[in-house]
């Protein structure tokens, strides 16, 4: 992701109309999701793999 990117969907779920639990933001480390982001050049999909929280 880059500064200024706007997340519009996570795993195909529109972030503006979804309930928090539908977005799987609390998924375990190692779980991958596809984030659709909008930037000046258009929209694109990015695969994001969650890391462990630092201690």
PDB file of N, CA and C in Angstrom:
ATOM      1  N   UNK A   1       0.838  -1.171   0.000  1.00  0.00           N
ATOM      2  CA  UNK A   1       0.000   0.000   0.000  1.00  0.00           C
ATOM      3  C   UNK A   1       0.881   1.231   0.000  1.00  0.00           C
ATOM      4  N   UNK A   2       0.305   2.311  -0.496  1.00  0.00           N
ATOM      5  CA  UNK A   2       1.024   3.579  -0.560  1.00  0.00           C
ATOM      6  C   UNK A   2       0.231   4.659   0.153  1.00  0.00           C
ATOM      7  N   UNK A   3       0.934   5.692   0.570  1.00  0.00           N
ATOM      8  CA  UNK A   3       0.264   6.831   1.196  1.00  0.00           C
ATOM      9  C   UNK A   3      -0.795   7.359   0.243  1.00  0.00           C
ATOM     10  N   UNK A   4      -1.969   7.624   0.760  1.00  0.00           N
ATOM     11  CA  UNK A   4      -3.055   8.160  -0.052  1.00  0.00           C
ATOM     12  C   UNK A   4      -3.982   7.104  -0.629  1.00  0.00           C
ATOM     13  N   UNK A   5      -3.607   5.815  -0.523  1.00  0.00           N
ATOM     14  CA  UNK A   5      -4.494   4.750  -0.997  1.00  0.00           C
ATOM     15  C   UNK A   5      -5.773   4.753  -0.173  1.00  0.00           C
ATOM     16  N   UNK A   6      -6.886   4.516  -0.823  1.00  0.00           N
ATOM     17  CA  UNK A   6      -8.175   4.396  -0.151  1.00  0.00           C
ATOM     18  C   UNK A   6      -8.624   2.941  -0.270  1.00  0.00           C
ATOM     19  N   UNK A   7      -8.809   2.253   0.851  1.00  0.00           N
ATOM     20  CA  UNK A   7      -9.284   0.877   0.829  1.00  0.00           C
ATOM     21  C   UNK A   7     -10.776   0.903   0.532  1.00  0.00           C
ATOM     22  N   UNK A   8     -11.198   0.206  -0.539  1.00  0.00           N
ATOM     23  CA  UNK A   8     -12.614   0.187  -0.906  1.00  0.00           C
ATOM     24  C   UNK A   8     -13.260  -1.164  -0.650  1.00  0.00           C
ATOM     25  N   UNK A   9     -12.463  -2.252  -0.590  1.00  0.00           N
ATOM     26  CA  UNK A   9     -13.015  -3.575  -0.317  1.00  0.00           C
ATOM     27  C   UNK A   9     -11.936  -4.474   0.267  1.00  0.00           C
ATOM     28  N   UNK A  10     -12.377  -5.407   1.108  1.00  0.00           N
ATOM     29  CA  UNK A  10     -11.491  -6.423   1.661  1.00  0.00           C
ATOM     30  C   UNK A  10     -12.126  -7.767   1.373  1.00  0.00           C
ATOM     31  N   UNK A  11     -11.407  -8.618   0.655  1.00  0.00           N
ATOM     32  CA  UNK A  11     -11.919  -9.933   0.245  1.00  0.00           C
ATOM     33  C   UNK A  11     -13.269  -9.809  -0.445  1.00  0.00           C
ATOM     34  N   UNK A  12     -13.410  -8.784  -1.274  1.00  0.00           N
ATOM     35  CA  UNK A  12     -14.632  -8.595  -2.053  1.00  0.00           C
ATOM     36  C   UNK A  12     -15.780  -7.953  -1.303  1.00  0.00           C
ATOM     37  N   UNK A  13     -15.585  -7.601  -0.035  1.00  0.00           N
ATOM     38  CA  UNK A  13     -16.633  -6.988   0.772  1.00  0.00           C
ATOM     39  C   UNK A  13     -16.406  -5.476   0.807  1.00  0.00           C
ATOM     40  N   UNK A  14     -17.400  -4.707   0.346  1.00  0.00           N
ATOM     41  CA  UNK A  14     -17.328  -3.250   0.327  1.00  0.00           C
ATOM     42  C   UNK A  14     -17.198  -2.728   1.758  1.00  0.00           C
ATOM     43  N   UNK A  15     -16.150  -1.965   2.040  1.00  0.00           N
ATOM     44  CA  UNK A  15     -15.897  -1.508   3.407  1.00  0.00           C
ATOM     45  C   UNK A  15     -16.913  -0.466   3.874  1.00  0.00           C
ATOM     46  N   UNK A  16     -17.584   0.206   2.967  1.00  0.00           N
ATOM     47  CA  UNK A  16     -18.550   1.233   3.366  1.00  0.00           C
ATOM     48  C   UNK A  16     -19.891   0.642   3.778  1.00  0.00           C
ATOM     49  N   UNK A  17     -20.202  -0.560   3.320  1.00  0.00           N
ATOM     50  CA  UNK A  17     -21.500  -1.141   3.634  1.00  0.00           C
ATOM     51  C   UNK A  17     -21.410  -2.366   4.536  1.00  0.00           C
ATOM     52  N   UNK A  18     -20.205  -2.791   4.867  1.00  0.00           N
ATOM     53  CA  UNK A  18     -20.009  -4.022   5.638  1.00  0.00           C
ATOM     54  C   UNK A  18     -20.060  -3.764   7.140  1.00  0.00           C
ATOM     55  N   UNK A  19     -20.434  -4.809   7.868  1.00  0.00           N
ATOM     56  CA  UNK A  19     -20.298  -4.802   9.319  1.00  0.00           C
ATOM     57  C   UNK A  19     -18.848  -5.155   9.640  1.00  0.00           C
ATOM     58  N   UNK A  20     -18.339  -4.644  10.768  1.00  0.00           N
ATOM     59  CA  UNK A  20     -16.949  -4.842  11.148  1.00  0.00           C
ATOM     60  C   UNK A  20     -16.540  -6.314  11.095  1.00  0.00           C
ATOM     61  N   UNK A  21     -17.367  -7.222  11.637  1.00  0.00           N
ATOM     62  CA  UNK A  21     -17.007  -8.645  11.697  1.00  0.00           C
ATOM     63  C   UNK A  21     -16.907  -9.277  10.307  1.00  0.00           C
ATOM     64  N   UNK A  22     -17.543  -8.696   9.303  1.00  0.00           N
ATOM     65  CA  UNK A  22     -17.466  -9.227   7.950  1.00  0.00           C
ATOM     66  C   UNK A  22     -16.100  -8.975   7.308  1.00  0.00           C
ATOM     67  N   UNK A  23     -15.366  -8.024   7.819  1.00  0.00           N
ATOM     68  CA  UNK A  23     -14.088  -7.635   7.205  1.00  0.00           C
ATOM     69  C   UNK A  23     -12.898  -8.452   7.678  1.00  0.00           C
ATOM     70  N   UNK A  24     -13.067  -9.285   8.680  1.00  0.00           N
ATOM     71  CA  UNK A  24     -12.015 -10.173   9.177  1.00  0.00           C
ATOM     72  C   UNK A  24     -10.742  -9.419   9.559  1.00  0.00           C
ATOM     73  N   UNK A  25     -10.896  -8.241  10.115  1.00  0.00           N
ATOM     74  CA  UNK A  25      -9.728  -7.443  10.489  1.00  0.00           C
ATOM     75  C   UNK A  25      -8.981  -8.040  11.675  1.00  0.00           C
ATOM     76  N   UNK A  26      -9.634  -8.872  12.456  1.00  0.00           N
ATOM     77  CA  UNK A  26      -8.990  -9.486  13.608  1.00  0.00           C
ATOM     78  C   UNK A  26      -8.475 -10.883  13.322  1.00  0.00           C
ATOM     79  N   UNK A  27      -8.287 -11.221  12.055  1.00  0.00           N
ATOM     80  CA  UNK A  27      -7.813 -12.560  11.685  1.00  0.00           C
ATOM     81  C   UNK A  27      -6.417 -12.815  12.255  1.00  0.00           C
ATOM     82  N   UNK A  28      -6.093 -14.078  12.400  1.00  0.00           N
ATOM     83  CA  UNK A  28      -4.821 -14.503  12.983  1.00  0.00           C
ATOM     84  C   UNK A  28      -3.631 -14.172  12.075  1.00  0.00           C
ATOM     85  N   UNK A  29      -2.449 -14.043  12.659  1.00  0.00           N
ATOM     86  CA  UNK A  29      -1.237 -13.846  11.854  1.00  0.00           C
ATOM     87  C   UNK A  29      -1.091 -14.966  10.829  1.00  0.00           C
ATOM     88  N   UNK A  30      -0.632 -14.599   9.647  1.00  0.00           N
ATOM     89  CA  UNK A  30      -0.441 -15.566   8.570  1.00  0.00           C
ATOM     90  C   UNK A  30      -1.613 -15.650   7.617  1.00  0.00           C
ATOM     91  N   UNK A  31      -2.763 -15.069   7.991  1.00  0.00           N
ATOM     92  CA  UNK A  31      -3.945 -15.082   7.138  1.00  0.00           C
ATOM     93  C   UNK A  31      -3.796 -13.990   6.079  1.00  0.00           C
ATOM     94  N   UNK A  32      -4.064 -14.341   4.829  1.00  0.00           N
ATOM     95  CA  UNK A  32      -3.974 -13.376   3.732  1.00  0.00           C
ATOM     96  C   UNK A  32      -5.360 -12.906   3.313  1.00  0.00           C
ATOM     97  N   UNK A  33      -5.440 -11.657   2.901  1.00  0.00           N
ATOM     98  CA  UNK A  33      -6.669 -11.069   2.388  1.00  0.00           C
ATOM     99  C   UNK A  33      -6.328 -10.245   1.155  1.00  0.00           C
ATOM    100  N   UNK A  34      -7.331 -10.055   0.306  1.00  0.00           N
ATOM    101  CA  UNK A  34      -7.162  -9.198  -0.858  1.00  0.00           C
ATOM    102  C   UNK A  34      -7.820  -7.856  -0.571  1.00  0.00           C
ATOM    103  N   UNK A  35      -7.024  -6.812  -0.633  1.00  0.00           N
ATOM    104  CA  UNK A  35      -7.512  -5.453  -0.418  1.00  0.00           C
ATOM    105  C   UNK A  35      -7.615  -4.781  -1.785  1.00  0.00           C
ATOM    106  N   UNK A  36      -8.794  -4.245  -2.100  1.00  0.00           N
ATOM    107  CA  UNK A  36      -8.944  -3.423  -3.306  1.00  0.00           C
ATOM    108  C   UNK A  36      -8.738  -1.992  -2.866  1.00  0.00           C
ATOM    109  N   UNK A  37      -7.763  -1.326  -3.484  1.00  0.00           N
ATOM    110  CA  UNK A  37      -7.460   0.060  -3.139  1.00  0.00           C
ATOM    111  C   UNK A  37      -7.664   0.957  -4.350  1.00  0.00           C
ATOM    112  N   UNK A  38      -8.017   2.190  -4.043  1.00  0.00           N
ATOM    113  CA  UNK A  38      -8.178   3.212  -5.086  1.00  0.00           C
ATOM    114  C   UNK A  38      -7.071   4.227  -4.886  1.00  0.00           C
ATOM    115  N   UNK A  39      -6.407   4.531  -5.978  1.00  0.00           N
ATOM    116  CA  UNK A  39      -5.380   5.570  -5.969  1.00  0.00           C
ATOM    117  C   UNK A  39      -5.521   6.387  -7.236  1.00  0.00           C
ATOM    118  N   UNK A  40      -4.726   7.399  -7.396  1.00  0.00           N
ATOM    119  CA  UNK A  40      -4.855   8.316  -8.533  1.00  0.00           C
ATOM    120  C   UNK A  40      -4.834   7.587  -9.874  1.00  0.00           C
ATOM    121  N   UNK A  41      -4.065   6.507  -9.983  1.00  0.00           N
ATOM    122  CA  UNK A  41      -3.934   5.789 -11.249  1.00  0.00           C
ATOM    123  C   UNK A  41      -5.064   4.787 -11.488  1.00  0.00           C
ATOM    124  N   UNK A  42      -5.977   4.619 -10.511  1.00  0.00           N
ATOM    125  CA  UNK A  42      -7.090   3.687 -10.663  1.00  0.00           C
ATOM    126  C   UNK A  42      -7.168   2.735  -9.479  1.00  0.00           C
ATOM    127  N   UNK A  43      -7.947   1.661  -9.644  1.00  0.00           N
ATOM    128  CA  UNK A  43      -8.093   0.668  -8.583  1.00  0.00           C
ATOM    129  C   UNK A  43      -7.231  -0.551  -8.871  1.00  0.00           C
ATOM    130  N   UNK A  44      -6.727  -1.173  -7.809  1.00  0.00           N
ATOM    131  CA  UNK A  44      -5.969  -2.396  -7.962  1.00  0.00           C
ATOM    132  C   UNK A  44      -6.135  -3.258  -6.721  1.00  0.00           C
ATOM    133  N   UNK A  45      -5.890  -4.557  -6.875  1.00  0.00           N
ATOM    134  CA  UNK A  45      -5.978  -5.505  -5.777  1.00  0.00           C
ATOM    135  C   UNK A  45      -4.593  -5.802  -5.234  1.00  0.00           C
ATOM    136  N   UNK A  46      -4.477  -5.787  -3.905  1.00  0.00           N
ATOM    137  CA  UNK A  46      -3.228  -6.095  -3.228  1.00  0.00           C
ATOM    138  C   UNK A  46      -3.477  -7.240  -2.252  1.00  0.00           C
ATOM    139  N   UNK A  47      -2.582  -8.217  -2.215  1.00  0.00           N
ATOM    140  CA  UNK A  47      -2.687  -9.290  -1.237  1.00  0.00           C
ATOM    141  C   UNK A  47      -1.887  -8.891  -0.007  1.00  0.00           C
ATOM    142  N   UNK A  48      -2.559  -8.920   1.143  1.00  0.00           N
ATOM    143  CA  UNK A  48      -1.956  -8.523   2.411  1.00  0.00           C
ATOM    144  C   UNK A  48      -1.965  -9.730   3.336  1.00  0.00           C
ATOM    145  N   UNK A  49      -0.805 -10.069   3.900  1.00  0.00           N
ATOM    146  CA  UNK A  49      -0.693 -11.163   4.866  1.00  0.00           C
ATOM    147  C   UNK A  49      -0.416 -10.556   6.235  1.00  0.00           C
ATOM    148  N   UNK A  50      -1.270 -10.888   7.175  1.00  0.00           N
ATOM    149  CA  UNK A  50      -1.135 -10.317   8.510  1.00  0.00           C
ATOM    150  C   UNK A  50       0.080 -10.875   9.223  1.00  0.00           C
ATOM    151  N   UNK A  51       0.777 -10.000   9.933  1.00  0.00           N
ATOM    152  CA  UNK A  51       1.911 -10.407  10.749  1.00  0.00           C
ATOM    153  C   UNK A  51       1.494 -10.457  12.212  1.00  0.00           C
ATOM    154  N   UNK A  52       2.359 -10.942  13.051  1.00  0.00           N
ATOM    155  CA  UNK A  52       2.102 -10.988  14.480  1.00  0.00           C
ATOM    156  C   UNK A  52       2.236  -9.588  15.062  1.00  0.00           C
ATOM    157  N   UNK A  53       1.440  -9.312  16.076  1.00  0.00           N
ATOM    158  CA  UNK A  53       1.562  -8.028  16.770  1.00  0.00           C
ATOM    159  C   UNK A  53       2.861  -8.014  17.564  1.00  0.00           C
ATOM    160  N   UNK A  54       3.551  -6.887  17.551  1.00  0.00           N
ATOM    161  CA  UNK A  54       4.779  -6.811  18.359  1.00  0.00           C
ATOM    162  C   UNK A  54       4.431  -6.847  19.845  1.00  0.00           C
ATOM    163  N   UNK A  55       5.332  -7.384  20.630  1.00  0.00           N
ATOM    164  CA  UNK A  55       5.116  -7.458  22.089  1.00  0.00           C
ATOM    165  C   UNK A  55       5.299  -6.128  22.743  1.00  0.00           C
TER     166      UNK A  55
END
